[in-house]
Amino acid sequence: MFFVVGVILITQQASFDRILDRADGPASPAGIVLLAAWVVLVIAALAALMTGGMYFQSREVRRLMDDELSKANRSRALAAGFVITILIAVVVFVVSLFEDVSAPEAIHATVTVGLAGALLRFAALERKAHTNG
């Protein structure tokens, strides 16, 4: 699940260039819906990453699945996401010295890449843990 959501966040980044481009006026109603969907996806993905997800499982199953290794992997993934977020913010800052970068574009890129990086890192760590036994 985390891998899929990370890939979705990265692949939808290209479509937001058109939505956030307000050269021809304010965002259209369809653009506003897409932006709202992005906000919901980011909040849901962050909540799942912070808690381990599994909201539709019983409390006992969630407790068993959220073992020490999973908690350590989640912590490492969040640290990686933080580093990625800072690096993207630096890149956006440098780019803004040469190109016009609006605040929504900068925030969207930073949040998308940082969160996707954390999700993909967590998915990779969990896969490695489960394939190595």
C-alpha atoms as a PDB file:
ATOM      1  CA  MET A   1       0.000   0.000   0.000  1.00  0.00           C
ATOM      2  CA  PHE A   2       2.727   2.490   0.940  1.00  0.00           C
ATOM      3  CA  PHE A   3       4.602   1.860  -2.293  1.00  0.00           C
ATOM      4  CA  VAL A   4       1.486   2.434  -4.405  1.00  0.00           C
ATOM      5  CA  VAL A   5       0.575   5.676  -2.636  1.00  0.00           C
ATOM      6  CA  GLY A   6       4.165   6.917  -3.002  1.00  0.00           C
ATOM      7  CA  VAL A   7       4.108   6.219  -6.734  1.00  0.00           C
ATOM      8  CA  ILE A   8       0.713   7.929  -7.087  1.00  0.00           C
ATOM      9  CA  LEU A   9       2.031  11.038  -5.327  1.00  0.00           C
ATOM     10  CA  ILE A  10       5.031  11.237  -7.636  1.00  0.00           C
ATOM     11  CA  THR A  11       3.176  10.545 -10.879  1.00  0.00           C
ATOM     12  CA  GLN A  12       0.442  13.082 -10.244  1.00  0.00           C
ATOM     13  CA  GLN A  13       3.035  15.844  -9.754  1.00  0.00           C
ATOM     14  CA  ALA A  14       3.080  16.574 -13.494  1.00  0.00           C
ATOM     15  CA  SER A  15      -0.658  17.236 -13.667  1.00  0.00           C
ATOM     16  CA  PHE A  16      -0.468  19.880 -10.963  1.00  0.00           C
ATOM     17  CA  ASP A  17       1.694  22.128 -13.096  1.00  0.00           C
ATOM     18  CA  ARG A  18      -1.383  22.834 -15.226  1.00  0.00           C
ATOM     19  CA  ILE A  19      -3.692  23.236 -12.229  1.00  0.00           C
ATOM     20  CA  LEU A  20      -1.386  25.614 -10.373  1.00  0.00           C
ATOM     21  CA  ASP A  21      -0.659  27.706 -13.480  1.00  0.00           C
ATOM     22  CA  ARG A  22      -3.006  30.657 -13.038  1.00  0.00           C
ATOM     23  CA  ALA A  23      -1.927  32.609 -16.109  1.00  0.00           C
ATOM     24  CA  ASP A  24      -5.468  32.430 -17.453  1.00  0.00           C
ATOM     25  CA  GLY A  25      -7.296  33.189 -14.197  1.00  0.00           C
ATOM     26  CA  PRO A  26      -8.180  31.358 -11.009  1.00  0.00           C
ATOM     27  CA  ALA A  27      -8.235  27.581 -10.770  1.00  0.00           C
ATOM     28  CA  SER A  28     -11.192  25.891 -12.420  1.00  0.00           C
ATOM     29  CA  PRO A  29     -13.726  23.914 -10.350  1.00  0.00           C
ATOM     30  CA  ALA A  30     -12.136  20.687 -11.619  1.00  0.00           C
ATOM     31  CA  GLY A  31      -8.723  21.988 -10.551  1.00  0.00           C
ATOM     32  CA  ILE A  32     -10.036  22.804  -7.098  1.00  0.00           C
ATOM     33  CA  VAL A  33     -11.413  19.270  -6.774  1.00  0.00           C
ATOM     34  CA  LEU A  34      -8.025  17.830  -7.781  1.00  0.00           C
ATOM     35  CA  LEU A  35      -6.240  20.045  -5.265  1.00  0.00           C
ATOM     36  CA  ALA A  36      -8.673  18.956  -2.542  1.00  0.00           C
ATOM     37  CA  ALA A  37      -8.100  15.310  -3.490  1.00  0.00           C
ATOM     38  CA  TRP A  38      -4.349  15.869  -3.212  1.00  0.00           C
ATOM     39  CA  VAL A  39      -4.780  17.361   0.281  1.00  0.00           C
ATOM     40  CA  VAL A  40      -6.890  14.376   1.374  1.00  0.00           C
ATOM     41  CA  LEU A  41      -4.357  11.928  -0.108  1.00  0.00           C
ATOM     42  CA  VAL A  42      -1.463  13.643   1.669  1.00  0.00           C
ATOM     43  CA  ILE A  43      -3.253  13.673   5.025  1.00  0.00           C
ATOM     44  CA  ALA A  44      -4.348  10.040   4.689  1.00  0.00           C
ATOM     45  CA  ALA A  45      -0.876   8.895   3.586  1.00  0.00           C
ATOM     46  CA  LEU A  46       0.803  10.785   6.415  1.00  0.00           C
ATOM     47  CA  ALA A  47      -1.641   9.368   8.959  1.00  0.00           C
ATOM     48  CA  ALA A  48      -1.055   5.836   7.654  1.00  0.00           C
ATOM     49  CA  LEU A  49       2.703   6.323   7.760  1.00  0.00           C
ATOM     50  CA  MET A  50       2.626   7.737  11.278  1.00  0.00           C
ATOM     51  CA  THR A  51       0.371   5.017  12.675  1.00  0.00           C
ATOM     52  CA  GLY A  52       1.176   2.027  10.494  1.00  0.00           C
ATOM     53  CA  GLY A  53      -2.205   2.112   8.770  1.00  0.00           C
ATOM     54  CA  MET A  54      -4.308  -1.046   8.975  1.00  0.00           C
ATOM     55  CA  TYR A  55      -7.380   0.921  10.062  1.00  0.00           C
ATOM     56  CA  PHE A  56      -9.774  -1.817   8.946  1.00  0.00           C
ATOM     57  CA  GLN A  57      -8.109  -4.529  11.030  1.00  0.00           C
ATOM     58  CA  SER A  58      -8.996  -5.419  14.587  1.00  0.00           C
ATOM     59  CA  ARG A  59      -7.043  -3.869  17.434  1.00  0.00           C
ATOM     60  CA  GLU A  60      -5.288  -7.183  18.106  1.00  0.00           C
ATOM     61  CA  VAL A  61      -4.135  -7.528  14.484  1.00  0.00           C
ATOM     62  CA  ARG A  62      -2.899  -3.926  14.425  1.00  0.00           C
ATOM     63  CA  ARG A  63      -0.940  -4.517  17.630  1.00  0.00           C
ATOM     64  CA  LEU A  64       0.664  -7.681  16.219  1.00  0.00           C
ATOM     65  CA  MET A  65       1.533  -6.081  12.882  1.00  0.00           C
ATOM     66  CA  ASP A  66       3.016  -2.972  14.517  1.00  0.00           C
ATOM     67  CA  ASP A  67       5.992  -4.752  16.062  1.00  0.00           C
ATOM     68  CA  GLU A  68       9.358  -3.235  17.020  1.00  0.00           C
ATOM     69  CA  LEU A  69      10.841  -3.764  13.554  1.00  0.00           C
ATOM     70  CA  SER A  70       7.904  -2.046  11.881  1.00  0.00           C
ATOM     71  CA  LYS A  71       8.185   0.876  14.301  1.00  0.00           C
ATOM     72  CA  ALA A  72      11.930   1.134  13.624  1.00  0.00           C
ATOM     73  CA  ASN A  73      11.310   1.013   9.871  1.00  0.00           C
ATOM     74  CA  ARG A  74       8.677   3.725  10.173  1.00  0.00           C
ATOM     75  CA  SER A  75      11.085   5.880  12.165  1.00  0.00           C
ATOM     76  CA  ARG A  76      13.838   5.422   9.575  1.00  0.00           C
ATOM     77  CA  ALA A  77      11.383   6.207   6.772  1.00  0.00           C
ATOM     78  CA  LEU A  78      10.214   9.397   8.485  1.00  0.00           C
ATOM     79  CA  ALA A  79      13.844  10.468   8.955  1.00  0.00           C
ATOM     80  CA  ALA A  80      14.507   9.835   5.258  1.00  0.00           C
ATOM     81  CA  GLY A  81      11.376  11.792   4.348  1.00  0.00           C
ATOM     82  CA  PHE A  82      12.580  14.703   6.479  1.00  0.00           C
ATOM     83  CA  VAL A  83      15.974  14.751   4.755  1.00  0.00           C
ATOM     84  CA  ILE A  84      14.336  14.546   1.323  1.00  0.00           C
ATOM     85  CA  THR A  85      11.976  17.392   2.237  1.00  0.00           C
ATOM     86  CA  ILE A  86      14.868  19.639   3.292  1.00  0.00           C
ATOM     87  CA  LEU A  87      16.822  18.813   0.127  1.00  0.00           C
ATOM     88  CA  ILE A  88      13.801  19.551  -2.086  1.00  0.00           C
ATOM     89  CA  ALA A  89      13.226  22.825  -0.245  1.00  0.00           C
ATOM     90  CA  VAL A  90      16.846  23.806  -0.963  1.00  0.00           C
ATOM     91  CA  VAL A  91      16.425  22.861  -4.634  1.00  0.00           C
ATOM     92  CA  VAL A  92      13.209  24.894  -4.869  1.00  0.00           C
ATOM     93  CA  PHE A  93      14.966  27.837  -3.222  1.00  0.00           C
ATOM     94  CA  VAL A  94      17.851  27.710  -5.715  1.00  0.00           C
ATOM     95  CA  VAL A  95      15.469  27.340  -8.662  1.00  0.00           C
ATOM     96  CA  SER A  96      13.463  30.338  -7.387  1.00  0.00           C
ATOM     97  CA  LEU A  97      16.558  32.496  -7.806  1.00  0.00           C
ATOM     98  CA  PHE A  98      16.400  31.928 -11.563  1.00  0.00           C
ATOM     99  CA  GLU A  99      12.721  31.129 -12.260  1.00  0.00           C
ATOM    100  CA  ASP A 100       9.448  32.326 -10.813  1.00  0.00           C
ATOM    101  CA  VAL A 101       8.205  29.688  -8.362  1.00  0.00           C
ATOM    102  CA  SER A 102       4.910  30.383  -6.653  1.00  0.00           C
ATOM    103  CA  ALA A 103       4.292  29.385  -3.047  1.00  0.00           C
ATOM    104  CA  PRO A 104       1.697  26.727  -4.011  1.00  0.00           C
ATOM    105  CA  GLU A 105       4.137  25.201  -6.517  1.00  0.00           C
ATOM    106  CA  ALA A 106       6.942  25.134  -3.960  1.00  0.00           C
ATOM    107  CA  ILE A 107       4.750  23.658  -1.224  1.00  0.00           C
ATOM    108  CA  HIS A 108       3.230  21.073  -3.524  1.00  0.00           C
ATOM    109  CA  ALA A 109       6.606  19.888  -4.817  1.00  0.00           C
ATOM    110  CA  THR A 110       8.177  19.803  -1.363  1.00  0.00           C
ATOM    111  CA  VAL A 111       5.326  17.946   0.329  1.00  0.00           C
ATOM    112  CA  THR A 112       4.792  15.533  -2.556  1.00  0.00           C
ATOM    113  CA  VAL A 113       8.421  14.482  -2.964  1.00  0.00           C
ATOM    114  CA  GLY A 114       9.162  14.407   0.772  1.00  0.00           C
ATOM    115  CA  LEU A 115       6.126  12.312   1.646  1.00  0.00           C
ATOM    116  CA  ALA A 116       6.555  10.028  -1.357  1.00  0.00           C
ATOM    117  CA  GLY A 117      10.193   9.496  -0.371  1.00  0.00           C
ATOM    118  CA  ALA A 118       9.174   8.497   3.159  1.00  0.00           C
ATOM    119  CA  LEU A 119       6.456   6.159   1.862  1.00  0.00           C
ATOM    120  CA  LEU A 120       8.784   4.480  -0.635  1.00  0.00           C
ATOM    121  CA  ARG A 121      11.525   4.126   1.981  1.00  0.00           C
ATOM    122  CA  PHE A 122       9.092   2.512   4.420  1.00  0.00           C
ATOM    123  CA  ALA A 123       7.823   0.139   1.735  1.00  0.00           C
ATOM    124  CA  ALA A 124      11.404  -0.849   0.843  1.00  0.00           C
ATOM    125  CA  LEU A 125      12.365  -1.415   4.485  1.00  0.00           C
ATOM    126  CA  GLU A 126       9.256  -3.488   5.167  1.00  0.00           C
ATOM    127  CA  ARG A 127       9.806  -5.564   2.053  1.00  0.00           C
ATOM    128  CA  LYS A 128      13.419  -6.208   3.022  1.00  0.00           C
ATOM    129  CA  ALA A 129      12.365  -7.175   6.558  1.00  0.00           C
ATOM    130  CA  HIS A 130       9.746  -9.625   5.314  1.00  0.00           C
ATOM    131  CA  THR A 131      11.921 -11.226   2.637  1.00  0.00           C
ATOM    132  CA  ASN A 132      14.870 -11.680   5.006  1.00  0.00           C
ATOM    133  CA  GLY A 133      12.689 -13.228   7.688  1.00  0.00           C
END
